[in-house]
Amino acid sequence: MSTYMPKAGDIVRNWYVIDAAGKPMGKVAVEAANLLRGKNKPTFVPHEDCGDHVIIINAEKAVLTGNKLNQKMYYHHSGYIGHLKEVKYSTLMKTKPEFAMTLAVKGMVPDTVIGRKALTRLRVFKGAEHPHAAQKPETWEF
């Protein structure tokens, strides 16, 4: 019996919608990362990019459990000496909830070429509307 190796032409990419309203941000990010990698498929191999497209809606209604909303910080550097910027997640969720959800998913995919390619198939929206109805996405429940 030989090991199954998927070819690039054999990979079928489906579209899924995940509703983040009232769900913990980390749980939504885990499900999105697994779908982006293709871990839900029986044909998954770790060295091949066989994941699906994921649309996350209602990112602003995602919940941060515990005291993360007030204590968790997002840090980035401007490139100048001493210019480390920090933003509380309470501010980040008010101003850019799509970015906060993207950061959560980005932390759960591998930091490789495959992970970066998978993140290009992620779409995050603040509200319940998205412009990808033509792709006929399926609702993903977990």
C-alpha atoms as a PDB file:
ATOM      1  CA  MET A   1       0.000   0.000   0.000  1.00  0.00           C
ATOM      2  CA  SER A   2       1.429   3.353  -1.019  1.00  0.00           C
ATOM      3  CA  THR A   3       1.130   6.687   0.744  1.00  0.00           C
ATOM      4  CA  TYR A   4      -1.333   9.142  -0.797  1.00  0.00           C
ATOM      5  CA  MET A   5       0.325  12.283  -2.170  1.00  0.00           C
ATOM      6  CA  PRO A   6      -2.079  14.972  -3.402  1.00  0.00           C
ATOM      7  CA  LYS A   7      -1.226  16.812  -6.609  1.00  0.00           C
ATOM      8  CA  ALA A   8      -1.902  20.518  -7.056  1.00  0.00           C
ATOM      9  CA  GLY A   9      -4.714  19.770  -9.503  1.00  0.00           C
ATOM     10  CA  ASP A  10      -6.412  17.335  -7.100  1.00  0.00           C
ATOM     11  CA  ILE A  11      -6.970  19.924  -4.360  1.00  0.00           C
ATOM     12  CA  VAL A  12     -10.552  21.199  -4.066  1.00  0.00           C
ATOM     13  CA  ARG A  13     -10.866  24.482  -2.201  1.00  0.00           C
ATOM     14  CA  ASN A  14     -14.238  25.076  -0.547  1.00  0.00           C
ATOM     15  CA  TRP A  15     -15.510  28.321   0.955  1.00  0.00           C
ATOM     16  CA  TYR A  16     -16.656  28.463   4.584  1.00  0.00           C
ATOM     17  CA  VAL A  17     -18.267  31.207   6.680  1.00  0.00           C
ATOM     18  CA  ILE A  18     -17.620  31.346  10.430  1.00  0.00           C
ATOM     19  CA  ASP A  19     -19.846  33.580  12.546  1.00  0.00           C
ATOM     20  CA  ALA A  20     -17.804  34.974  15.452  1.00  0.00           C
ATOM     21  CA  ALA A  21     -20.718  36.654  17.257  1.00  0.00           C
ATOM     22  CA  GLY A  22     -20.676  35.744  20.954  1.00  0.00           C
ATOM     23  CA  LYS A  23     -17.867  33.191  20.567  1.00  0.00           C
ATOM     24  CA  PRO A  24     -14.377  33.434  22.085  1.00  0.00           C
ATOM     25  CA  MET A  25     -11.864  34.894  19.654  1.00  0.00           C
ATOM     26  CA  GLY A  26      -9.374  32.080  20.249  1.00  0.00           C
ATOM     27  CA  LYS A  27     -11.907  29.333  19.483  1.00  0.00           C
ATOM     28  CA  VAL A  28     -12.889  31.030  16.232  1.00  0.00           C
ATOM     29  CA  ALA A  29      -9.211  31.490  15.309  1.00  0.00           C
ATOM     30  CA  VAL A  30      -8.448  27.798  15.925  1.00  0.00           C
ATOM     31  CA  GLU A  31     -11.281  26.682  13.650  1.00  0.00           C
ATOM     32  CA  ALA A  32     -10.259  29.164  10.962  1.00  0.00           C
ATOM     33  CA  ALA A  33      -6.596  28.075  11.136  1.00  0.00           C
ATOM     34  CA  ASN A  34      -7.564  24.407  10.822  1.00  0.00           C
ATOM     35  CA  LEU A  35      -9.731  25.136   7.780  1.00  0.00           C
ATOM     36  CA  LEU A  36      -7.018  27.285   6.195  1.00  0.00           C
ATOM     37  CA  ARG A  37      -4.495  24.469   6.576  1.00  0.00           C
ATOM     38  CA  GLY A  38      -6.949  21.791   5.400  1.00  0.00           C
ATOM     39  CA  LYS A  39      -6.743  19.709   8.568  1.00  0.00           C
ATOM     40  CA  ASN A  40     -10.436  18.852   8.309  1.00  0.00           C
ATOM     41  CA  LYS A  41      -9.849  16.928   5.080  1.00  0.00           C
ATOM     42  CA  PRO A  42      -8.915  13.249   4.867  1.00  0.00           C
ATOM     43  CA  THR A  43      -6.348  14.161   2.193  1.00  0.00           C
ATOM     44  CA  PHE A  44      -4.349  16.472   4.507  1.00  0.00           C
ATOM     45  CA  VAL A  45      -0.575  16.321   4.272  1.00  0.00           C
ATOM     46  CA  PRO A  46       1.563  18.781   6.233  1.00  0.00           C
ATOM     47  CA  HIS A  47       3.918  19.586   3.331  1.00  0.00           C
ATOM     48  CA  GLU A  48       1.183  20.564   0.854  1.00  0.00           C
ATOM     49  CA  ASP A  49      -1.094  23.600   0.849  1.00  0.00           C
ATOM     50  CA  CYS A  50      -4.526  21.927   0.691  1.00  0.00           C
ATOM     51  CA  GLY A  51      -6.676  24.306   2.765  1.00  0.00           C
ATOM     52  CA  ASP A  52      -9.932  26.115   2.085  1.00  0.00           C
ATOM     53  CA  HIS A  53     -11.093  29.738   1.919  1.00  0.00           C
ATOM     54  CA  VAL A  54     -12.469  31.121   5.207  1.00  0.00           C
ATOM     55  CA  ILE A  55     -14.725  34.128   5.747  1.00  0.00           C
ATOM     56  CA  ILE A  56     -15.128  35.340   9.340  1.00  0.00           C
ATOM     57  CA  ILE A  57     -18.109  37.626   9.933  1.00  0.00           C
ATOM     58  CA  ASN A  58     -19.136  39.636  13.021  1.00  0.00           C
ATOM     59  CA  ALA A  59     -15.519  40.063  14.167  1.00  0.00           C
ATOM     60  CA  GLU A  60     -16.542  43.022  16.335  1.00  0.00           C
ATOM     61  CA  LYS A  61     -18.880  40.764  18.352  1.00  0.00           C
ATOM     62  CA  ALA A  62     -16.176  38.220  19.217  1.00  0.00           C
ATOM     63  CA  VAL A  63     -15.542  37.828  22.942  1.00  0.00           C
ATOM     64  CA  LEU A  64     -12.233  37.974  24.769  1.00  0.00           C
ATOM     65  CA  THR A  65     -12.493  35.788  27.870  1.00  0.00           C
ATOM     66  CA  GLY A  66     -11.160  36.644  31.300  1.00  0.00           C
ATOM     67  CA  ASN A  67      -9.583  40.060  31.707  1.00  0.00           C
ATOM     68  CA  LYS A  68      -7.855  40.015  28.306  1.00  0.00           C
ATOM     69  CA  LEU A  69      -9.822  42.974  27.011  1.00  0.00           C
ATOM     70  CA  ASN A  70      -8.111  45.254  29.558  1.00  0.00           C
ATOM     71  CA  GLN A  71      -4.768  43.488  30.096  1.00  0.00           C
ATOM     72  CA  LYS A  72      -3.751  42.076  26.706  1.00  0.00           C
ATOM     73  CA  MET A  73      -1.638  44.397  24.565  1.00  0.00           C
ATOM     74  CA  TYR A  74      -0.696  44.507  20.890  1.00  0.00           C
ATOM     75  CA  TYR A  75       2.885  45.668  20.366  1.00  0.00           C
ATOM     76  CA  HIS A  76       4.474  46.902  17.159  1.00  0.00           C
ATOM     77  CA  HIS A  77       7.617  48.879  16.398  1.00  0.00           C
ATOM     78  CA  SER A  78       7.852  51.903  14.129  1.00  0.00           C
ATOM     79  CA  GLY A  79      11.479  51.203  13.203  1.00  0.00           C
ATOM     80  CA  TYR A  80      12.877  54.178  15.101  1.00  0.00           C
ATOM     81  CA  ILE A  81      14.854  53.846  18.333  1.00  0.00           C
ATOM     82  CA  GLY A  82      12.543  53.745  21.353  1.00  0.00           C
ATOM     83  CA  HIS A  83       9.341  53.776  19.308  1.00  0.00           C
ATOM     84  CA  LEU A  84       7.708  50.615  20.564  1.00  0.00           C
ATOM     85  CA  LYS A  85       3.980  51.172  20.260  1.00  0.00           C
ATOM     86  CA  GLU A  86       1.425  49.393  22.422  1.00  0.00           C
ATOM     87  CA  VAL A  87      -2.356  49.241  22.058  1.00  0.00           C
ATOM     88  CA  LYS A  88      -4.808  47.659  24.492  1.00  0.00           C
ATOM     89  CA  TYR A  89      -7.149  45.080  23.013  1.00  0.00           C
ATOM     90  CA  SER A  90     -10.132  47.095  24.231  1.00  0.00           C
ATOM     91  CA  THR A  91      -9.040  49.912  21.898  1.00  0.00           C
ATOM     92  CA  LEU A  92      -8.097  47.483  19.121  1.00  0.00           C
ATOM     93  CA  MET A  93     -11.495  45.748  19.243  1.00  0.00           C
ATOM     94  CA  LYS A  94     -13.287  49.118  19.021  1.00  0.00           C
ATOM     95  CA  THR A  95     -11.220  50.522  16.158  1.00  0.00           C
ATOM     96  CA  LYS A  96      -9.984  47.510  14.125  1.00  0.00           C
ATOM     97  CA  PRO A  97     -11.689  44.237  15.124  1.00  0.00           C
ATOM     98  CA  GLU A  98     -10.796  42.668  11.751  1.00  0.00           C
ATOM     99  CA  PHE A  99      -7.106  43.203  12.452  1.00  0.00           C
ATOM    100  CA  ALA A 100      -7.399  41.688  15.940  1.00  0.00           C
ATOM    101  CA  MET A 101      -9.062  38.550  14.522  1.00  0.00           C
ATOM    102  CA  THR A 102      -6.461  38.314  11.748  1.00  0.00           C
ATOM    103  CA  LEU A 103      -3.686  38.504  14.359  1.00  0.00           C
ATOM    104  CA  ALA A 104      -5.285  35.657  16.307  1.00  0.00           C
ATOM    105  CA  VAL A 105      -5.487  33.435  13.215  1.00  0.00           C
ATOM    106  CA  LYS A 106      -1.979  34.425  12.105  1.00  0.00           C
ATOM    107  CA  GLY A 107      -0.597  33.217  15.426  1.00  0.00           C
ATOM    108  CA  MET A 108      -2.136  29.785  14.839  1.00  0.00           C
ATOM    109  CA  VAL A 109      -0.851  29.028  11.350  1.00  0.00           C
ATOM    110  CA  PRO A 110       2.782  28.002  10.855  1.00  0.00           C
ATOM    111  CA  ASP A 111       5.336  30.717  10.140  1.00  0.00           C
ATOM    112  CA  THR A 112       6.337  29.188   6.817  1.00  0.00           C
ATOM    113  CA  VAL A 113       5.598  29.668   3.127  1.00  0.00           C
ATOM    114  CA  ILE A 114       2.538  27.412   3.516  1.00  0.00           C
ATOM    115  CA  GLY A 115       1.215  29.460   6.458  1.00  0.00           C
ATOM    116  CA  ARG A 116       1.657  32.758   4.643  1.00  0.00           C
ATOM    117  CA  LYS A 117      -0.089  31.360   1.572  1.00  0.00           C
ATOM    118  CA  ALA A 118      -2.944  30.089   3.771  1.00  0.00           C
ATOM    119  CA  LEU A 119      -3.463  33.554   5.278  1.00  0.00           C
ATOM    120  CA  THR A 120      -4.171  34.963   1.823  1.00  0.00           C
ATOM    121  CA  ARG A 121      -7.358  32.852   1.799  1.00  0.00           C
ATOM    122  CA  LEU A 122      -8.651  34.451   5.037  1.00  0.00           C
ATOM    123  CA  ARG A 123     -11.248  37.229   4.854  1.00  0.00           C
ATOM    124  CA  VAL A 124     -12.441  38.955   8.013  1.00  0.00           C
ATOM    125  CA  PHE A 125     -15.378  41.372   8.175  1.00  0.00           C
ATOM    126  CA  LYS A 126     -16.598  43.607  10.993  1.00  0.00           C
ATOM    127  CA  GLY A 127     -20.327  43.080  10.398  1.00  0.00           C
ATOM    128  CA  ALA A 128     -22.557  40.311   9.116  1.00  0.00           C
ATOM    129  CA  GLU A 129     -22.309  41.269   5.424  1.00  0.00           C
ATOM    130  CA  HIS A 130     -19.620  39.994   3.054  1.00  0.00           C
ATOM    131  CA  PRO A 131     -19.174  40.358  -0.728  1.00  0.00           C
ATOM    132  CA  HIS A 132     -18.420  36.668  -1.396  1.00  0.00           C
ATOM    133  CA  ALA A 133     -21.950  35.338  -1.946  1.00  0.00           C
ATOM    134  CA  ALA A 134     -21.060  34.332  -5.520  1.00  0.00           C
ATOM    135  CA  GLN A 135     -18.672  31.674  -4.165  1.00  0.00           C
ATOM    136  CA  LYS A 136     -21.597  30.001  -2.343  1.00  0.00           C
ATOM    137  CA  PRO A 137     -19.833  29.605   1.030  1.00  0.00           C
ATOM    138  CA  GLU A 138     -21.049  26.989   3.484  1.00  0.00           C
ATOM    139  CA  THR A 139     -21.648  27.847   7.147  1.00  0.00           C
ATOM    140  CA  TRP A 140     -19.098  26.179   9.421  1.00  0.00           C
ATOM    141  CA  GLU A 141     -20.427  25.186  12.854  1.00  0.00           C
ATOM    142  CA  PHE A 142     -18.220  24.046  15.714  1.00  0.00           C
END
